[in-house]
Amino acid sequence: KMTELLIKDQKMSTMRNLVRGIAHEFNNVFAIIKGYTELLLVNKDRPKQDKEDIQVIVDTVKRGMEIANRMHIFNKQENMELIAISVNSLFKNLESSFSSVIRRSGKNVQLSFDNKDDSLKILADVFNLEHVLHNLLLNALEALEKGGVITLSAFQRDDEIYIVFEDNGKGILSSNINFVFDPF
């Protein structure tokens, strides 16, 4: 058992070093992209649609930098920052950031948010929750070959709040179902 624990500890140490290195390299790339796209926004003669598209790039790069910077949670196993956020606010953030992704995909996809209770608030690490939901949206978009509907809804039962994610895509292959919670 001691040997197994040592091997596991060495693997985790190697993984933490790998994650730290990857995060650093991604931040270098993101910094360059962010700098050049922000320079593109300075041009006042640029059409409004171009500016909106460039702003999406800037926002996406910032998100990528946040992801790379937050890898320290895995790397250092630190506590997450929990704050109260309204579910409607969470959904609006996702809608604004993901609508352009859908538009660029060229697919006929309807993104729908259904929250009948405007007062729903959750205590969460907002960055990580948005990251998970964004990844689910990307997976759903990929699964919708030509088009379809992606719906996020929320409701409260007893003292728990549920966020339900639905799409009418082809689903996860049965051969992959056992791996859905594996990192990377």
Protein backbone atom coordinates (compact mmCIF):
# COMPACT_ATOMS: atom_id res chain seq x y z
CA LYS A 1 0.00 0.00 0.00
CA MET A 2 2.84 2.37 0.80
CA THR A 3 4.38 1.81 -2.64
CA GLU A 4 1.01 2.47 -4.29
CA LEU A 5 0.62 5.71 -2.33
CA LEU A 6 4.13 6.83 -3.29
CA ILE A 7 3.46 6.11 -6.96
CA LYS A 8 0.14 7.98 -6.79
CA ASP A 9 1.82 10.96 -5.09
CA GLN A 10 4.56 11.03 -7.75
CA LYS A 11 1.95 10.92 -10.52
CA MET A 12 0.04 13.83 -8.95
CA SER A 13 3.26 15.81 -8.54
CA THR A 14 4.09 15.22 -12.20
CA MET A 15 0.55 16.23 -13.19
CA ARG A 16 0.76 19.45 -11.14
CA ASN A 17 4.06 20.37 -12.82
CA LEU A 18 2.58 19.64 -16.23
CA VAL A 19 -0.50 21.77 -15.53
CA ARG A 20 1.66 24.65 -14.25
CA GLY A 21 3.76 24.55 -17.43
CA ILE A 22 0.75 24.36 -19.73
CA ALA A 23 -0.96 27.25 -17.94
CA HIS A 24 2.15 29.40 -18.33
CA GLU A 25 2.50 28.61 -22.05
CA PHE A 26 -1.18 29.31 -22.74
CA ASN A 27 -0.99 32.63 -20.91
CA ASN A 28 1.91 33.68 -23.14
CA VAL A 29 -0.09 32.86 -26.29
CA PHE A 30 -3.26 34.49 -24.96
CA ALA A 31 -1.40 37.68 -24.04
CA ILE A 32 -0.20 38.11 -27.63
CA ILE A 33 -3.66 37.43 -29.12
CA LYS A 34 -5.30 39.78 -26.62
CA GLY A 35 -2.83 42.57 -27.38
CA TYR A 36 -3.29 42.41 -31.13
CA THR A 37 -7.09 42.13 -30.99
CA GLU A 38 -7.29 45.10 -28.64
CA LEU A 39 -5.22 47.06 -31.17
CA LEU A 40 -7.78 46.14 -33.87
CA LEU A 41 -10.54 47.63 -31.72
CA VAL A 42 -8.80 51.01 -31.66
CA ASN A 43 -9.55 51.55 -35.38
CA LYS A 44 -12.58 53.86 -35.33
CA ASP A 45 -13.37 53.24 -39.04
CA ARG A 46 -14.03 49.55 -38.47
CA PRO A 47 -17.67 48.47 -39.08
CA LYS A 48 -19.80 47.80 -36.00
CA GLN A 49 -20.17 44.05 -36.75
CA ASP A 50 -16.38 43.70 -37.05
CA LYS A 51 -15.91 45.46 -33.72
CA GLU A 52 -18.46 43.14 -32.10
CA ASP A 53 -16.68 40.08 -33.54
CA ILE A 54 -13.30 41.38 -32.39
CA GLN A 55 -14.72 42.04 -28.93
CA VAL A 56 -15.88 38.41 -28.81
CA ILE A 57 -12.27 37.39 -29.54
CA VAL A 58 -10.99 39.65 -26.75
CA ASP A 59 -13.58 38.31 -24.31
CA THR A 60 -12.83 34.71 -25.29
CA VAL A 61 -9.10 35.25 -24.85
CA LYS A 62 -9.75 36.78 -21.42
CA ARG A 63 -11.77 33.68 -20.58
CA GLY A 64 -8.89 31.49 -21.75
CA MET A 65 -6.49 33.46 -19.58
CA GLU A 66 -8.83 33.02 -16.61
CA ILE A 67 -8.93 29.28 -17.25
CA ALA A 68 -5.15 29.10 -17.41
CA ASN A 69 -4.82 31.23 -14.28
CA ARG A 70 -7.38 29.13 -12.44
CA MET A 71 -5.50 25.92 -13.14
CA HIS A 72 -3.81 26.65 -9.83
CA ILE A 73 -6.95 25.32 -8.14
CA PHE A 74 -6.00 21.92 -9.49
CA ASN A 75 -2.31 22.63 -9.14
CA LYS A 76 -2.37 23.86 -5.55
CA GLN A 77 -5.65 22.26 -4.56
CA GLU A 78 -6.87 25.60 -3.20
CA ASN A 79 -10.41 26.39 -2.13
CA MET A 80 -12.74 27.90 -4.68
CA GLU A 81 -14.27 31.35 -4.21
CA LEU A 82 -17.97 30.90 -3.51
CA ILE A 83 -20.29 33.87 -4.09
CA ALA A 84 -24.04 34.28 -4.46
CA ILE A 85 -25.18 34.79 -8.05
CA SER A 86 -28.64 34.98 -9.53
CA VAL A 87 -29.42 32.19 -11.97
CA ASN A 88 -30.80 34.75 -14.43
CA SER A 89 -27.50 36.65 -14.35
CA LEU A 90 -25.62 33.41 -14.94
CA PHE A 91 -27.87 32.56 -17.89
CA LYS A 92 -27.52 36.08 -19.38
CA ASN A 93 -23.71 35.84 -19.21
CA LEU A 94 -23.80 32.49 -20.97
CA GLU A 95 -26.23 33.73 -23.61
CA SER A 96 -24.14 36.77 -24.46
CA SER A 97 -20.90 34.81 -24.71
CA PHE A 98 -22.32 31.78 -26.51
CA SER A 99 -24.59 33.43 -29.10
CA SER A 100 -21.61 34.41 -31.24
CA VAL A 101 -20.22 30.86 -31.00
CA ILE A 102 -23.51 29.56 -32.40
CA ARG A 103 -23.54 32.22 -35.13
CA ARG A 104 -20.02 31.33 -36.22
CA SER A 105 -20.82 27.61 -36.27
CA GLY A 106 -23.24 28.16 -39.15
CA LYS A 107 -25.71 25.78 -37.52
CA ASN A 108 -29.36 26.57 -37.02
CA VAL A 109 -29.38 26.26 -33.23
CA GLN A 110 -31.82 27.88 -30.85
CA LEU A 111 -30.43 28.64 -27.40
CA SER A 112 -33.14 28.81 -24.77
CA PHE A 113 -32.99 29.74 -21.09
CA ASP A 114 -35.96 28.90 -18.94
CA ASN A 115 -36.04 30.22 -15.40
CA LYS A 116 -39.49 31.05 -14.14
CA ASP A 117 -38.24 32.15 -10.71
CA ASP A 118 -36.34 35.46 -11.04
CA SER A 119 -35.27 35.28 -7.40
CA LEU A 120 -33.21 32.07 -7.66
CA LYS A 121 -29.67 32.59 -6.37
CA ILE A 122 -26.96 29.99 -5.99
CA LEU A 123 -23.76 29.92 -4.01
CA ALA A 124 -21.03 28.85 -6.41
CA ASP A 125 -17.60 29.50 -7.80
CA VAL A 126 -19.02 31.49 -10.72
CA PHE A 127 -16.01 31.09 -12.98
CA ASN A 128 -15.96 27.31 -12.64
CA LEU A 129 -19.74 26.99 -12.97
CA GLU A 130 -19.76 29.13 -16.13
CA HIS A 131 -16.83 27.09 -17.43
CA VAL A 132 -18.71 23.82 -16.93
CA LEU A 133 -21.90 25.15 -18.52
CA HIS A 134 -19.95 26.67 -21.42
CA ASN A 135 -18.29 23.31 -22.06
CA LEU A 136 -21.68 21.59 -21.97
CA LEU A 137 -22.94 24.14 -24.50
CA LEU A 138 -19.95 23.46 -26.76
CA ASN A 139 -20.54 19.71 -26.52
CA ALA A 140 -24.23 20.16 -27.33
CA LEU A 141 -23.43 22.40 -30.29
CA GLU A 142 -21.02 19.78 -31.58
CA ALA A 143 -23.66 17.04 -31.16
CA LEU A 144 -26.27 19.04 -33.09
CA GLU A 145 -25.11 18.19 -36.60
CA LYS A 146 -27.24 20.70 -38.51
CA GLY A 147 -29.33 22.39 -35.89
CA GLY A 148 -31.61 21.94 -32.96
CA VAL A 149 -32.42 23.30 -29.54
CA ILE A 150 -30.27 23.70 -26.44
CA THR A 151 -32.16 24.59 -23.25
CA LEU A 152 -30.93 25.47 -19.79
CA SER A 153 -33.54 25.70 -17.07
CA ALA A 154 -33.48 26.13 -13.32
CA PHE A 155 -35.80 25.30 -10.49
CA GLN A 156 -35.76 24.91 -6.75
CA ARG A 157 -36.93 21.84 -4.88
CA ASP A 158 -36.79 21.97 -1.09
CA ASP A 159 -33.46 23.68 -0.28
CA GLU A 160 -31.67 22.70 -3.48
CA ILE A 161 -31.46 24.53 -6.79
CA TYR A 162 -31.17 22.50 -9.95
CA ILE A 163 -29.82 23.62 -13.30
CA VAL A 164 -31.05 21.32 -16.04
CA PHE A 165 -29.25 21.10 -19.35
CA GLU A 166 -31.06 19.63 -22.37
CA ASP A 167 -30.38 19.33 -26.08
CA ASN A 168 -31.80 17.26 -28.89
CA GLY A 169 -28.43 16.06 -30.17
CA LYS A 170 -27.34 12.50 -30.90
CA GLY A 171 -26.20 11.79 -27.32
CA ILE A 172 -23.06 10.27 -25.86
CA LEU A 173 -21.82 7.02 -27.36
CA SER A 174 -22.31 4.13 -24.96
CA SER A 175 -18.59 3.36 -25.32
CA ASN A 176 -17.77 6.84 -23.92
CA ILE A 177 -20.32 7.06 -21.11
CA ASN A 178 -17.92 5.69 -18.47
CA PHE A 179 -15.43 8.49 -19.21
CA VAL A 180 -17.65 11.57 -18.91
CA PHE A 181 -16.18 12.59 -15.55
CA ASP A 182 -12.52 11.90 -16.40
CA PRO A 183 -10.39 15.06 -16.52
CA PHE A 184 -9.32 16.30 -19.96
